[in-house]
Amino acid sequence: MGETGRAVVAILSSIVGLSIVAVLLSTRSNTAGVLGAAGSALSQVIGAATSPVTGAAPGIAGLQQGLMSGGGLGGGYIPGVTG
């Protein structure tokens, strides 16, 4: 790729980056909701991946409530979950 190709890629990358920032900062966007959902999804993936080691049940909301209330799969304790 020549010097011209690199310049075009740099300009296009800048436009895409600026567009992402504009969407995130828009007053009509739900940035906090999107980031919260992404964080929750990541937390559930990590919880599911580490459950064989920690002995904790995977982060499924309905299952967690059942376990925390003593119902569901015979009751139990899920570390780090309050409810």
N, C-alpha and C. Protein backbone atom coordinates (compact mmCIF):
# COMPACT_ATOMS: atom_id res chain seq x y z
N MET A 1 0.86 -1.17 0.00
CA MET A 1 0.00 0.00 0.00
C MET A 1 0.90 1.23 0.00
N GLY A 2 0.60 2.11 -0.89
CA GLY A 2 1.41 3.31 -1.02
C GLY A 2 1.04 4.37 0.00
N GLU A 3 1.70 5.48 -0.13
CA GLU A 3 1.47 6.60 0.77
C GLU A 3 0.03 7.12 0.66
N THR A 4 -0.52 7.11 -0.54
CA THR A 4 -1.89 7.57 -0.76
C THR A 4 -2.88 6.64 -0.07
N GLY A 5 -2.64 5.34 -0.17
CA GLY A 5 -3.52 4.36 0.47
C GLY A 5 -3.53 4.51 1.99
N ARG A 6 -2.36 4.76 2.54
CA ARG A 6 -2.28 4.97 3.99
C ARG A 6 -3.02 6.22 4.42
N ALA A 7 -2.93 7.27 3.61
CA ALA A 7 -3.63 8.51 3.93
C ALA A 7 -5.15 8.29 3.88
N VAL A 8 -5.63 7.55 2.89
CA VAL A 8 -7.06 7.27 2.76
C VAL A 8 -7.54 6.46 3.96
N VAL A 9 -6.79 5.43 4.36
CA VAL A 9 -7.16 4.61 5.51
C VAL A 9 -7.18 5.45 6.78
N ALA A 10 -6.22 6.34 6.94
CA ALA A 10 -6.17 7.20 8.11
C ALA A 10 -7.38 8.13 8.17
N ILE A 11 -7.77 8.69 7.03
CA ILE A 11 -8.93 9.58 6.98
C ILE A 11 -10.21 8.82 7.29
N LEU A 12 -10.37 7.63 6.69
CA LEU A 12 -11.57 6.83 6.94
C LEU A 12 -11.64 6.39 8.40
N SER A 13 -10.51 6.03 8.97
CA SER A 13 -10.48 5.64 10.39
C SER A 13 -10.87 6.81 11.29
N SER A 14 -10.42 7.99 10.94
CA SER A 14 -10.78 9.18 11.72
C SER A 14 -12.27 9.46 11.64
N ILE A 15 -12.85 9.30 10.47
CA ILE A 15 -14.28 9.52 10.30
C ILE A 15 -15.09 8.51 11.12
N VAL A 16 -14.69 7.26 11.08
CA VAL A 16 -15.39 6.22 11.86
C VAL A 16 -15.26 6.51 13.36
N GLY A 17 -14.07 6.86 13.80
CA GLY A 17 -13.86 7.18 15.21
C GLY A 17 -14.68 8.37 15.67
N LEU A 18 -14.73 9.40 14.86
CA LEU A 18 -15.53 10.58 15.18
C LEU A 18 -17.01 10.25 15.23
N SER A 19 -17.46 9.37 14.34
CA SER A 19 -18.86 8.95 14.33
C SER A 19 -19.20 8.19 15.60
N ILE A 20 -18.31 7.33 16.05
CA ILE A 20 -18.55 6.57 17.28
C ILE A 20 -18.64 7.52 18.47
N VAL A 21 -17.74 8.47 18.56
CA VAL A 21 -17.78 9.44 19.66
C VAL A 21 -19.06 10.25 19.62
N ALA A 22 -19.48 10.67 18.43
CA ALA A 22 -20.72 11.46 18.30
C ALA A 22 -21.93 10.66 18.76
N VAL A 23 -21.99 9.39 18.42
CA VAL A 23 -23.12 8.56 18.85
C VAL A 23 -23.09 8.38 20.36
N LEU A 24 -21.92 8.12 20.94
CA LEU A 24 -21.83 7.92 22.38
C LEU A 24 -22.19 9.17 23.17
N LEU A 25 -21.89 10.33 22.65
CA LEU A 25 -22.14 11.58 23.36
C LEU A 25 -23.48 12.21 23.01
N SER A 26 -24.22 11.62 22.10
CA SER A 26 -25.52 12.16 21.71
C SER A 26 -26.47 12.17 22.89
N THR A 27 -27.30 13.19 22.97
CA THR A 27 -28.27 13.28 24.07
C THR A 27 -29.37 12.24 23.92
N ARG A 28 -29.57 11.70 22.73
CA ARG A 28 -30.62 10.72 22.50
C ARG A 28 -30.11 9.28 22.67
N SER A 29 -28.84 9.11 22.88
CA SER A 29 -28.30 7.75 23.04
C SER A 29 -28.44 7.30 24.48
N ASN A 30 -28.47 6.01 24.67
CA ASN A 30 -28.57 5.44 26.00
C ASN A 30 -27.21 4.81 26.35
N THR A 31 -26.19 5.63 26.39
CA THR A 31 -24.83 5.16 26.59
C THR A 31 -24.69 4.38 27.90
N ALA A 32 -25.26 4.90 28.96
CA ALA A 32 -25.15 4.22 30.26
C ALA A 32 -25.81 2.85 30.20
N GLY A 33 -26.95 2.77 29.55
CA GLY A 33 -27.64 1.49 29.42
C GLY A 33 -26.85 0.48 28.60
N VAL A 34 -26.27 0.96 27.52
CA VAL A 34 -25.47 0.08 26.66
C VAL A 34 -24.23 -0.41 27.40
N LEU A 35 -23.54 0.49 28.07
CA LEU A 35 -22.34 0.09 28.81
C LEU A 35 -22.70 -0.84 29.97
N GLY A 36 -23.83 -0.57 30.62
CA GLY A 36 -24.27 -1.44 31.71
C GLY A 36 -24.59 -2.84 31.21
N ALA A 37 -25.26 -2.92 30.07
CA ALA A 37 -25.60 -4.23 29.49
C ALA A 37 -24.34 -4.98 29.07
N ALA A 38 -23.39 -4.26 28.50
CA ALA A 38 -22.14 -4.90 28.09
C ALA A 38 -21.38 -5.41 29.31
N GLY A 39 -21.35 -4.62 30.38
CA GLY A 39 -20.68 -5.05 31.60
C GLY A 39 -21.36 -6.25 32.23
N SER A 40 -22.68 -6.25 32.21
CA SER A 40 -23.43 -7.37 32.76
C SER A 40 -23.17 -8.65 31.96
N ALA A 41 -23.16 -8.50 30.64
CA ALA A 41 -22.89 -9.67 29.78
C ALA A 41 -21.49 -10.21 30.04
N LEU A 42 -20.52 -9.32 30.15
CA LEU A 42 -19.15 -9.75 30.43
C LEU A 42 -19.06 -10.44 31.79
N SER A 43 -19.76 -9.90 32.77
CA SER A 43 -19.77 -10.51 34.10
C SER A 43 -20.36 -11.91 34.07
N GLN A 44 -21.44 -12.09 33.31
CA GLN A 44 -22.06 -13.40 33.20
C GLN A 44 -21.14 -14.40 32.49
N VAL A 45 -20.44 -13.94 31.47
CA VAL A 45 -19.52 -14.82 30.75
C VAL A 45 -18.38 -15.25 31.66
N ILE A 46 -17.84 -14.31 32.41
CA ILE A 46 -16.75 -14.64 33.34
C ILE A 46 -17.25 -15.57 34.43
N GLY A 47 -18.46 -15.32 34.95
CA GLY A 47 -19.03 -16.18 35.97
C GLY A 47 -19.24 -17.60 35.47
N ALA A 48 -19.73 -17.73 34.24
CA ALA A 48 -19.95 -19.05 33.66
C ALA A 48 -18.62 -19.76 33.41
N ALA A 49 -17.61 -19.01 33.02
CA ALA A 49 -16.31 -19.61 32.73
C ALA A 49 -15.60 -20.06 34.00
N THR A 50 -15.81 -19.34 35.10
CA THR A 50 -15.12 -19.68 36.34
C THR A 50 -15.94 -20.57 37.27
N SER A 51 -17.19 -20.85 36.91
CA SER A 51 -18.05 -21.64 37.80
C SER A 51 -17.51 -23.05 38.08
N PRO A 52 -16.85 -23.73 37.14
CA PRO A 52 -16.30 -25.04 37.50
C PRO A 52 -15.21 -24.95 38.57
N VAL A 53 -14.53 -23.83 38.63
CA VAL A 53 -13.44 -23.66 39.60
C VAL A 53 -13.98 -23.17 40.94
N THR A 54 -14.91 -22.19 40.89
CA THR A 54 -15.42 -21.57 42.12
C THR A 54 -16.59 -22.33 42.72
N GLY A 55 -17.27 -23.15 41.93
CA GLY A 55 -18.43 -23.87 42.42
C GLY A 55 -19.70 -23.06 42.38
N ALA A 56 -19.63 -21.83 41.88
CA ALA A 56 -20.81 -20.97 41.80
C ALA A 56 -21.62 -21.34 40.57
N ALA A 57 -22.93 -21.14 40.67
CA ALA A 57 -23.81 -21.38 39.53
C ALA A 57 -23.61 -20.27 38.51
N PRO A 58 -23.79 -20.57 37.23
CA PRO A 58 -23.70 -19.53 36.21
C PRO A 58 -24.70 -18.42 36.47
N GLY A 59 -24.40 -17.21 36.00
CA GLY A 59 -25.23 -16.05 36.28
C GLY A 59 -26.50 -15.98 35.47
N ILE A 60 -27.47 -16.80 35.77
CA ILE A 60 -28.77 -16.73 35.12
C ILE A 60 -29.73 -16.13 36.15
N ALA A 61 -30.35 -15.02 35.84
CA ALA A 61 -31.11 -14.24 36.82
C ALA A 61 -32.20 -15.07 37.50
N GLY A 62 -33.00 -15.79 36.77
CA GLY A 62 -34.08 -16.57 37.36
C GLY A 62 -33.55 -17.66 38.27
N LEU A 63 -32.48 -18.32 37.85
CA LEU A 63 -31.89 -19.37 38.65
C LEU A 63 -31.29 -18.81 39.92
N GLN A 64 -30.66 -17.64 39.81
CA GLN A 64 -30.08 -17.02 41.00
C GLN A 64 -31.15 -16.71 42.02
N GLN A 65 -32.28 -16.14 41.60
CA GLN A 65 -33.34 -15.81 42.54
C GLN A 65 -33.88 -17.06 43.21
N GLY A 66 -34.03 -18.14 42.45
CA GLY A 66 -34.52 -19.38 43.02
C GLY A 66 -33.56 -19.95 44.04
N LEU A 67 -32.28 -19.90 43.74
CA LEU A 67 -31.29 -20.43 44.66
C LEU A 67 -31.17 -19.57 45.91
N MET A 68 -31.24 -18.25 45.75
CA MET A 68 -31.10 -17.36 46.88
C MET A 68 -32.30 -17.47 47.83
N SER A 69 -33.47 -17.81 47.31
CA SER A 69 -34.66 -17.90 48.16
C SER A 69 -34.81 -19.28 48.77
N GLY A 70 -33.91 -20.19 48.47
CA GLY A 70 -33.97 -21.52 49.04
C GLY A 70 -34.76 -22.49 48.17
N GLY A 71 -35.26 -22.02 47.05
CA GLY A 71 -36.02 -22.89 46.16
C GLY A 71 -35.16 -23.35 45.01
N GLY A 72 -35.77 -23.64 43.91
CA GLY A 72 -35.02 -24.00 42.72
C GLY A 72 -34.36 -25.35 42.83
N LEU A 73 -33.07 -25.38 42.77
CA LEU A 73 -32.32 -26.63 42.76
C LEU A 73 -31.87 -27.04 44.16
N GLY A 74 -32.73 -26.89 45.13
CA GLY A 74 -32.39 -27.33 46.48
C GLY A 74 -31.79 -26.25 47.35
N GLY A 75 -31.79 -25.02 46.88
CA GLY A 75 -31.25 -23.93 47.67
C GLY A 75 -29.74 -23.87 47.58
N GLY A 76 -29.18 -22.82 48.11
CA GLY A 76 -27.73 -22.69 48.08
C GLY A 76 -27.30 -21.25 48.17
N TYR A 77 -26.02 -21.07 48.10
CA TYR A 77 -25.44 -19.74 48.20
C TYR A 77 -24.61 -19.48 46.96
N ILE A 78 -24.80 -18.31 46.37
CA ILE A 78 -24.01 -17.91 45.21
C ILE A 78 -23.12 -16.75 45.65
N PRO A 79 -21.81 -16.96 45.70
CA PRO A 79 -20.91 -15.90 46.16
C PRO A 79 -21.01 -14.65 45.29
N GLY A 80 -21.05 -13.50 45.93
CA GLY A 80 -21.06 -12.24 45.20
C GLY A 80 -22.42 -11.82 44.71
N VAL A 81 -23.48 -12.58 44.98
CA VAL A 81 -24.81 -12.23 44.52
C VAL A 81 -25.66 -11.86 45.71
N THR A 82 -26.23 -10.67 45.66
CA THR A 82 -27.15 -10.26 46.72
C THR A 82 -28.52 -10.15 46.12
N GLY A 83 -29.51 -10.48 46.84
CA GLY A 83 -30.80 -10.37 46.21
C GLY A 83 -31.91 -10.61 47.12
